[in-house]
PDB file of N, CA and C in Angstrom:
ATOM      1  N   UNK A   1    -164.793 -76.738 -64.253  1.00  0.00           N
ATOM      2  CA  UNK A   1    -164.421 -77.019 -62.885  1.00  0.00           C
ATOM      3  C   UNK A   1    -163.985 -78.471 -62.713  1.00  0.00           C
ATOM      4  N   UNK A   2    -164.643 -79.391 -63.337  1.00  0.00           N
ATOM      5  CA  UNK A   2    -164.287 -80.796 -63.215  1.00  0.00           C
ATOM      6  C   UNK A   2    -162.912 -81.052 -63.813  1.00  0.00           C
ATOM      7  N   UNK A   3    -162.607 -80.407 -64.941  1.00  0.00           N
ATOM      8  CA  UNK A   3    -161.305 -80.584 -65.577  1.00  0.00           C
ATOM      9  C   UNK A   3    -160.187 -80.082 -64.672  1.00  0.00           C
ATOM     10  N   UNK A   4    -160.410 -78.975 -63.977  1.00  0.00           N
ATOM     11  CA  UNK A   4    -159.406 -78.465 -63.040  1.00  0.00           C
ATOM     12  C   UNK A   4    -159.152 -79.461 -61.915  1.00  0.00           C
ATOM     13  N   UNK A   5    -160.218 -80.057 -61.405  1.00  0.00           N
ATOM     14  CA  UNK A   5    -160.075 -81.054 -60.338  1.00  0.00           C
ATOM     15  C   UNK A   5    -159.278 -82.264 -60.815  1.00  0.00           C
ATOM     16  N   UNK A   6    -159.559 -82.719 -62.014  1.00  0.00           N
ATOM     17  CA  UNK A   6    -158.843 -83.865 -62.582  1.00  0.00           C
ATOM     18  C   UNK A   6    -157.372 -83.527 -62.760  1.00  0.00           C
ATOM     19  N   UNK A   7    -157.079 -82.331 -63.236  1.00  0.00           N
ATOM     20  CA  UNK A   7    -155.689 -81.915 -63.416  1.00  0.00           C
ATOM     21  C   UNK A   7    -154.957 -81.824 -62.081  1.00  0.00           C
ATOM     22  N   UNK A   8    -155.642 -81.337 -61.041  1.00  0.00           N
ATOM     23  CA  UNK A   8    -155.030 -81.254 -59.717  1.00  0.00           C
ATOM     24  C   UNK A   8    -154.721 -82.650 -59.179  1.00  0.00           C
ATOM     25  N   UNK A   9    -155.641 -83.576 -59.373  1.00  0.00           N
ATOM     26  CA  UNK A   9    -155.435 -84.951 -58.911  1.00  0.00           C
ATOM     27  C   UNK A   9    -154.286 -85.595 -59.665  1.00  0.00           C
ATOM     28  N   UNK A  10    -154.236 -85.406 -60.978  1.00  0.00           N
ATOM     29  CA  UNK A  10    -153.139 -85.963 -61.780  1.00  0.00           C
ATOM     30  C   UNK A  10    -151.796 -85.395 -61.350  1.00  0.00           C
ATOM     31  N   UNK A  11    -151.751 -84.114 -61.059  1.00  0.00           N
ATOM     32  CA  UNK A  11    -150.507 -83.486 -60.618  1.00  0.00           C
ATOM     33  C   UNK A  11    -150.090 -84.035 -59.252  1.00  0.00           C
ATOM     34  N   UNK A  12    -151.042 -84.203 -58.350  1.00  0.00           N
ATOM     35  CA  UNK A  12    -150.748 -84.744 -57.034  1.00  0.00           C
ATOM     36  C   UNK A  12    -150.194 -86.159 -57.133  1.00  0.00           C
ATOM     37  N   UNK A  13    -150.806 -86.977 -57.973  1.00  0.00           N
ATOM     38  CA  UNK A  13    -150.338 -88.362 -58.148  1.00  0.00           C
ATOM     39  C   UNK A  13    -148.942 -88.383 -58.756  1.00  0.00           C
ATOM     40  N   UNK A  14    -148.703 -87.553 -59.754  1.00  0.00           N
ATOM     41  CA  UNK A  14    -147.393 -87.568 -60.415  1.00  0.00           C
ATOM     42  C   UNK A  14    -146.286 -87.065 -59.488  1.00  0.00           C
ATOM     43  N   UNK A  15    -146.585 -86.118 -58.604  1.00  0.00           N
ATOM     44  CA  UNK A  15    -145.557 -85.649 -57.688  1.00  0.00           C
ATOM     45  C   UNK A  15    -145.300 -86.651 -56.564  1.00  0.00           C
ATOM     46  N   UNK A  16    -146.299 -87.458 -56.231  1.00  0.00           N
ATOM     47  CA  UNK A  16    -146.138 -88.448 -55.168  1.00  0.00           C
ATOM     48  C   UNK A  16    -145.501 -89.746 -55.683  1.00  0.00           C
ATOM     49  N   UNK A  17    -145.480 -89.933 -56.996  1.00  0.00           N
ATOM     50  CA  UNK A  17    -144.917 -91.147 -57.578  1.00  0.00           C
ATOM     51  C   UNK A  17    -143.400 -91.130 -57.471  1.00  0.00           C
ATOM     52  N   UNK A  18    -142.835 -92.273 -57.088  1.00  0.00           N
ATOM     53  CA  UNK A  18    -141.383 -92.374 -56.958  1.00  0.00           C
ATOM     54  C   UNK A  18    -140.767 -92.720 -58.310  1.00  0.00           C
ATOM     55  N   UNK A  19    -139.984 -91.799 -58.823  1.00  0.00           N
ATOM     56  CA  UNK A  19    -139.340 -92.046 -60.109  1.00  0.00           C
ATOM     57  C   UNK A  19    -137.950 -92.629 -59.934  1.00  0.00           C
ATOM     58  N   UNK A  20    -137.334 -92.347 -58.820  1.00  0.00           N
ATOM     59  CA  UNK A  20    -136.007 -92.868 -58.542  1.00  0.00           C
ATOM     60  C   UNK A  20    -136.131 -94.350 -58.166  1.00  0.00           C
ATOM     61  N   UNK A  21    -135.497 -95.201 -58.939  1.00  0.00           N
ATOM     62  CA  UNK A  21    -135.617 -96.649 -58.742  1.00  0.00           C
ATOM     63  C   UNK A  21    -135.044 -97.088 -57.391  1.00  0.00           C
ATOM     64  N   UNK A  22    -133.991 -96.416 -56.945  1.00  0.00           N
ATOM     65  CA  UNK A  22    -133.382 -96.779 -55.664  1.00  0.00           C
ATOM     66  C   UNK A  22    -134.306 -96.452 -54.493  1.00  0.00           C
ATOM     67  N   UNK A  23    -134.946 -95.289 -54.538  1.00  0.00           N
ATOM     68  CA  UNK A  23    -135.866 -94.939 -53.446  1.00  0.00           C
ATOM     69  C   UNK A  23    -137.092 -95.844 -53.476  1.00  0.00           C
ATOM     70  N   UNK A  24    -137.520 -96.255 -54.662  1.00  0.00           N
ATOM     71  CA  UNK A  24    -138.647 -97.190 -54.771  1.00  0.00           C
ATOM     72  C   UNK A  24    -138.272 -98.544 -54.154  1.00  0.00           C
ATOM     73  N   UNK A  25    -137.060 -99.028 -54.453  1.00  0.00           N
ATOM     74  CA  UNK A  25    -136.604-100.309 -53.883  1.00  0.00           C
ATOM     75  C   UNK A  25    -136.502-100.218 -52.362  1.00  0.00           C
ATOM     76  N   UNK A  26    -135.995 -99.102 -51.861  1.00  0.00           N
ATOM     77  CA  UNK A  26    -135.875 -98.915 -50.416  1.00  0.00           C
ATOM     78  C   UNK A  26    -137.255 -98.889 -49.767  1.00  0.00           C
ATOM     79  N   UNK A  27    -138.206 -98.245 -50.417  1.00  0.00           N
ATOM     80  CA  UNK A  27    -139.573 -98.190 -49.897  1.00  0.00           C
ATOM     81  C   UNK A  27    -140.201 -99.582 -49.840  1.00  0.00           C
ATOM     82  N   UNK A  28    -140.047-100.349 -50.907  1.00  0.00           N
ATOM     83  CA  UNK A  28    -140.598-101.703 -50.954  1.00  0.00           C
ATOM     84  C   UNK A  28    -139.968-102.564 -49.863  1.00  0.00           C
ATOM     85  N   UNK A  29    -138.672-102.428 -49.659  1.00  0.00           N
ATOM     86  CA  UNK A  29    -137.981-103.205 -48.627  1.00  0.00           C
ATOM     87  C   UNK A  29    -138.495-102.824 -47.234  1.00  0.00           C
ATOM     88  N   UNK A  30    -138.707-101.544 -47.003  1.00  0.00           N
ATOM     89  CA  UNK A  30    -139.234-101.086 -45.716  1.00  0.00           C
ATOM     90  C   UNK A  30    -140.626-101.656 -45.461  1.00  0.00           C
ATOM     91  N   UNK A  31    -141.462-101.654 -46.481  1.00  0.00           N
ATOM     92  CA  UNK A  31    -142.814-102.213 -46.341  1.00  0.00           C
ATOM     93  C   UNK A  31    -142.746-103.700 -46.034  1.00  0.00           C
ATOM     94  N   UNK A  32    -141.870-104.420 -46.720  1.00  0.00           N
ATOM     95  CA  UNK A  32    -141.717-105.859 -46.465  1.00  0.00           C
ATOM     96  C   UNK A  32    -141.269-106.116 -45.025  1.00  0.00           C
ATOM     97  N   UNK A  33    -140.339-105.299 -44.524  1.00  0.00           N
ATOM     98  CA  UNK A  33    -139.868-105.449 -43.144  1.00  0.00           C
ATOM     99  C   UNK A  33    -140.988-105.173 -42.150  1.00  0.00           C
ATOM    100  N   UNK A  34    -141.804-104.156 -42.433  1.00  0.00           N
ATOM    101  CA  UNK A  34    -142.926-103.830 -41.550  1.00  0.00           C
ATOM    102  C   UNK A  34    -143.945-104.967 -41.507  1.00  0.00           C
ATOM    103  N   UNK A  35    -144.232-105.554 -42.654  1.00  0.00           N
ATOM    104  CA  UNK A  35    -145.182-106.665 -42.714  1.00  0.00           C
ATOM    105  C   UNK A  35    -144.627-107.874 -41.963  1.00  0.00           C
ATOM    106  N   UNK A  36    -143.333-108.163 -42.131  1.00  0.00           N
ATOM    107  CA  UNK A  36    -142.720-109.291 -41.436  1.00  0.00           C
ATOM    108  C   UNK A  36    -142.744-109.068 -39.921  1.00  0.00           C
ATOM    109  N   UNK A  37    -142.443-107.855 -39.487  1.00  0.00           N
ATOM    110  CA  UNK A  37    -142.468-107.546 -38.050  1.00  0.00           C
ATOM    111  C   UNK A  37    -143.875-107.719 -37.486  1.00  0.00           C
ATOM    112  N   UNK A  38    -144.879-107.271 -38.241  1.00  0.00           N
ATOM    113  CA  UNK A  38    -146.265-107.441 -37.792  1.00  0.00           C
ATOM    114  C   UNK A  38    -146.630-108.915 -37.711  1.00  0.00           C
ATOM    115  N   UNK A  39    -146.268-109.679 -38.726  1.00  0.00           N
ATOM    116  CA  UNK A  39    -146.574-111.109 -38.742  1.00  0.00           C
ATOM    117  C   UNK A  39    -145.873-111.847 -37.604  1.00  0.00           C
ATOM    118  N   UNK A  40    -144.633-111.454 -37.293  1.00  0.00           N
ATOM    119  CA  UNK A  40    -143.900-112.083 -36.183  1.00  0.00           C
ATOM    120  C   UNK A  40    -144.596-111.811 -34.847  1.00  0.00           C
ATOM    121  N   UNK A  41    -145.079-110.588 -34.665  1.00  0.00           N
ATOM    122  CA  UNK A  41    -145.800-110.262 -33.433  1.00  0.00           C
ATOM    123  C   UNK A  41    -147.089-111.067 -33.330  1.00  0.00           C
ATOM    124  N   UNK A  42    -147.814-111.176 -34.440  1.00  0.00           N
ATOM    125  CA  UNK A  42    -149.078-111.916 -34.433  1.00  0.00           C
ATOM    126  C   UNK A  42    -148.816-113.392 -34.135  1.00  0.00           C
ATOM    127  N   UNK A  43    -147.740-113.954 -34.703  1.00  0.00           N
ATOM    128  CA  UNK A  43    -147.399-115.354 -34.417  1.00  0.00           C
ATOM    129  C   UNK A  43    -147.068-115.554 -32.948  1.00  0.00           C
ATOM    130  N   UNK A  44    -146.522-114.537 -32.310  1.00  0.00           N
ATOM    131  CA  UNK A  44    -146.201-114.601 -30.888  1.00  0.00           C
ATOM    132  C   UNK A  44    -147.362-114.163 -30.002  1.00  0.00           C
ATOM    133  N   UNK A  45    -148.546-114.014 -30.593  1.00  0.00           N
ATOM    134  CA  UNK A  45    -149.760-113.596 -29.890  1.00  0.00           C
ATOM    135  C   UNK A  45    -149.610-112.241 -29.196  1.00  0.00           C
ATOM    136  N   UNK A  46    -148.945-111.309 -29.893  1.00  0.00           N
ATOM    137  CA  UNK A  46    -148.787-109.938 -29.402  1.00  0.00           C
ATOM    138  C   UNK A  46    -149.463-109.002 -30.408  1.00  0.00           C
ATOM    139  N   UNK A  47    -150.282-108.100 -29.910  1.00  0.00           N
ATOM    140  CA  UNK A  47    -150.964-107.139 -30.777  1.00  0.00           C
ATOM    141  C   UNK A  47    -149.943-106.155 -31.340  1.00  0.00           C
ATOM    142  N   UNK A  48    -149.842-106.039 -32.665  1.00  0.00           N
ATOM    143  CA  UNK A  48    -148.870-105.108 -33.255  1.00  0.00           C
ATOM    144  C   UNK A  48    -149.261-103.644 -33.080  1.00  0.00           C
ATOM    145  N   UNK A  49    -150.511-103.362 -32.721  1.00  0.00           N
ATOM    146  CA  UNK A  49    -150.948-101.984 -32.547  1.00  0.00           C
ATOM    147  C   UNK A  49    -150.668-101.471 -31.149  1.00  0.00           C
ATOM    148  N   UNK A  50    -150.953-102.297 -30.118  1.00  0.00           N
ATOM    149  CA  UNK A  50    -150.840-101.778 -28.753  1.00  0.00           C
ATOM    150  C   UNK A  50    -149.932-102.620 -27.855  1.00  0.00           C
ATOM    151  N   UNK A  51    -149.518-103.810 -28.300  1.00  0.00           N
ATOM    152  CA  UNK A  51    -148.612-104.641 -27.523  1.00  0.00           C
ATOM    153  C   UNK A  51    -149.292-105.571 -26.531  1.00  0.00           C
ATOM    154  N   UNK A  52    -150.616-105.554 -26.479  1.00  0.00           N
ATOM    155  CA  UNK A  52    -151.344-106.446 -25.568  1.00  0.00           C
ATOM    156  C   UNK A  52    -151.375-107.864 -26.146  1.00  0.00           C
ATOM    157  N   UNK A  53    -151.945-108.786 -25.401  1.00  0.00           N
ATOM    158  CA  UNK A  53    -152.034-110.180 -25.823  1.00  0.00           C
ATOM    159  C   UNK A  53    -153.172-110.353 -26.831  1.00  0.00           C
ATOM    160  N   UNK A  54    -152.929-111.216 -27.826  1.00  0.00           N
ATOM    161  CA  UNK A  54    -153.985-111.573 -28.764  1.00  0.00           C
ATOM    162  C   UNK A  54    -154.686-112.831 -28.264  1.00  0.00           C
ATOM    163  N   UNK A  55    -155.985-112.856 -28.419  1.00  0.00           N
ATOM    164  CA  UNK A  55    -156.805-113.973 -27.963  1.00  0.00           C
ATOM    165  C   UNK A  55    -157.512-114.576 -29.170  1.00  0.00           C
ATOM    166  N   UNK A  56    -157.564-115.905 -29.219  1.00  0.00           N
ATOM    167  CA  UNK A  56    -158.300-116.566 -30.286  1.00  0.00           C
ATOM    168  C   UNK A  56    -159.780-116.445 -29.970  1.00  0.00           C
ATOM    169  N   UNK A  57    -160.528-115.955 -30.937  1.00  0.00           N
ATOM    170  CA  UNK A  57    -161.959-115.737 -30.750  1.00  0.00           C
ATOM    171  C   UNK A  57    -162.737-116.428 -31.861  1.00  0.00           C
ATOM    172  N   UNK A  58    -164.003-116.620 -31.608  1.00  0.00           N
ATOM    173  CA  UNK A  58    -164.885-117.237 -32.596  1.00  0.00           C
ATOM    174  C   UNK A  58    -165.908-116.186 -33.007  1.00  0.00           C
ATOM    175  N   UNK A  59    -166.000-115.935 -34.297  1.00  0.00           N
ATOM    176  CA  UNK A  59    -166.932-114.936 -34.808  1.00  0.00           C
ATOM    177  C   UNK A  59    -167.925-115.539 -35.782  1.00  0.00           C
ATOM    178  N   UNK A  60    -168.725-114.694 -36.333  1.00  0.00           N
ATOM    179  CA  UNK A  60    -169.758-115.097 -37.284  1.00  0.00           C
ATOM    180  C   UNK A  60    -169.166-115.824 -38.498  1.00  0.00           C
ATOM    181  N   UNK A  61    -167.969-115.429 -38.908  1.00  0.00           N
ATOM    182  CA  UNK A  61    -167.347-116.002 -40.109  1.00  0.00           C
ATOM    183  C   UNK A  61    -166.162-116.908 -39.794  1.00  0.00           C
ATOM    184  N   UNK A  62    -166.076-117.393 -38.567  1.00  0.00           N
ATOM    185  CA  UNK A  62    -165.013-118.316 -38.201  1.00  0.00           C
ATOM    186  C   UNK A  62    -164.109-117.743 -37.130  1.00  0.00           C
ATOM    187  N   UNK A  63    -163.002-118.442 -36.902  1.00  0.00           N
ATOM    188  CA  UNK A  63    -162.099-118.030 -35.829  1.00  0.00           C
ATOM    189  C   UNK A  63    -161.123-116.958 -36.315  1.00  0.00           C
ATOM    190  N   UNK A  64    -160.656-116.155 -35.348  1.00  0.00           N
ATOM    191  CA  UNK A  64    -159.693-115.099 -35.635  1.00  0.00           C
ATOM    192  C   UNK A  64    -158.982-114.739 -34.336  1.00  0.00           C
ATOM    193  N   UNK A  65    -157.884-114.008 -34.475  1.00  0.00           N
ATOM    194  CA  UNK A  65    -157.184-113.498 -33.302  1.00  0.00           C
ATOM    195  C   UNK A  65    -157.593-112.044 -33.123  1.00  0.00           C
ATOM    196  N   UNK A  66    -157.905-111.673 -31.882  1.00  0.00           N
ATOM    197  CA  UNK A  66    -158.302-110.306 -31.585  1.00  0.00           C
ATOM    198  C   UNK A  66    -157.575-109.816 -30.348  1.00  0.00           C
ATOM    199  N   UNK A  67    -157.423-108.508 -30.257  1.00  0.00           N
ATOM    200  CA  UNK A  67    -156.721-107.903 -29.124  1.00  0.00           C
ATOM    201  C   UNK A  67    -157.518-108.105 -27.844  1.00  0.00           C
ATOM    202  N   UNK A  68    -156.806-108.408 -26.765  1.00  0.00           N
ATOM    203  CA  UNK A  68    -157.457-108.641 -25.478  1.00  0.00           C
ATOM    204  C   UNK A  68    -157.991-107.349 -24.855  1.00  0.00           C
ATOM    205  N   UNK A  69    -157.581-106.190 -25.372  1.00  0.00           N
ATOM    206  CA  UNK A  69    -158.055-104.922 -24.816  1.00  0.00           C
ATOM    207  C   UNK A  69    -159.270-104.374 -25.556  1.00  0.00           C
ATOM    208  N   UNK A  70    -159.866-105.188 -26.424  1.00  0.00           N
ATOM    209  CA  UNK A  70    -161.063-104.743 -27.150  1.00  0.00           C
ATOM    210  C   UNK A  70    -162.106-104.263 -26.149  1.00  0.00           C
ATOM    211  N   UNK A  71    -162.756-103.161 -26.341  1.00  0.00           N
ATOM    212  CA  UNK A  71    -162.892-102.301 -27.516  1.00  0.00           C
ATOM    213  C   UNK A  71    -161.878-101.150 -27.609  1.00  0.00           C
ATOM    214  N   UNK A  72    -160.971-101.045 -26.636  1.00  0.00           N
ATOM    215  CA  UNK A  72    -159.968 -99.985 -26.696  1.00  0.00           C
ATOM    216  C   UNK A  72    -159.104-100.127 -27.951  1.00  0.00           C
ATOM    217  N   UNK A  73    -158.651-101.329 -28.242  1.00  0.00           N
ATOM    218  CA  UNK A  73    -157.871-101.624 -29.456  1.00  0.00           C
ATOM    219  C   UNK A  73    -158.683-102.623 -30.267  1.00  0.00           C
ATOM    220  N   UNK A  74    -158.878-102.341 -31.526  1.00  0.00           N
ATOM    221  CA  UNK A  74    -159.734-103.176 -32.364  1.00  0.00           C
ATOM    222  C   UNK A  74    -158.961-104.008 -33.387  1.00  0.00           C
ATOM    223  N   UNK A  75    -157.677-104.309 -33.095  1.00  0.00           N
ATOM    224  CA  UNK A  75    -156.886-105.117 -34.025  1.00  0.00           C
ATOM    225  C   UNK A  75    -157.435-106.542 -34.098  1.00  0.00           C
ATOM    226  N   UNK A  76    -157.600-107.037 -35.314  1.00  0.00           N
ATOM    227  CA  UNK A  76    -157.985-108.431 -35.540  1.00  0.00           C
ATOM    228  C   UNK A  76    -157.112-108.997 -36.652  1.00  0.00           C
ATOM    229  N   UNK A  77    -156.937-110.293 -36.624  1.00  0.00           N
ATOM    230  CA  UNK A  77    -156.147-110.975 -37.653  1.00  0.00           C
ATOM    231  C   UNK A  77    -156.824-112.302 -37.967  1.00  0.00           C
ATOM    232  N   UNK A  78    -157.108-112.496 -39.222  1.00  0.00           N
ATOM    233  CA  UNK A  78    -157.716-113.735 -39.685  1.00  0.00           C
ATOM    234  C   UNK A  78    -156.681-114.416 -40.563  1.00  0.00           C
ATOM    235  N   UNK A  79    -156.217-115.546 -40.127  1.00  0.00           N
ATOM    236  CA  UNK A  79    -155.220-116.191 -40.980  1.00  0.00           C
ATOM    237  C   UNK A  79    -154.571-117.386 -40.410  1.00  0.00           C
TER     238      UNK A  79
END
């Protein structure tokens, strides 16, 4: 039974892996654009999850930006 599970997992991973180099490059570019868009919103003090204002807060481990609608939106950014 364990061997069957391992084979199923290996098959799932191999089918999900991108073998086409062009589609892999397009995927990486899309991820980079998404990260840049998120970082731009955070720099502008806008929550990338819900669009509300980010507030600088002080926590146990230092300062961070958190969504002003907390606890409805739990986005935080440390950086």
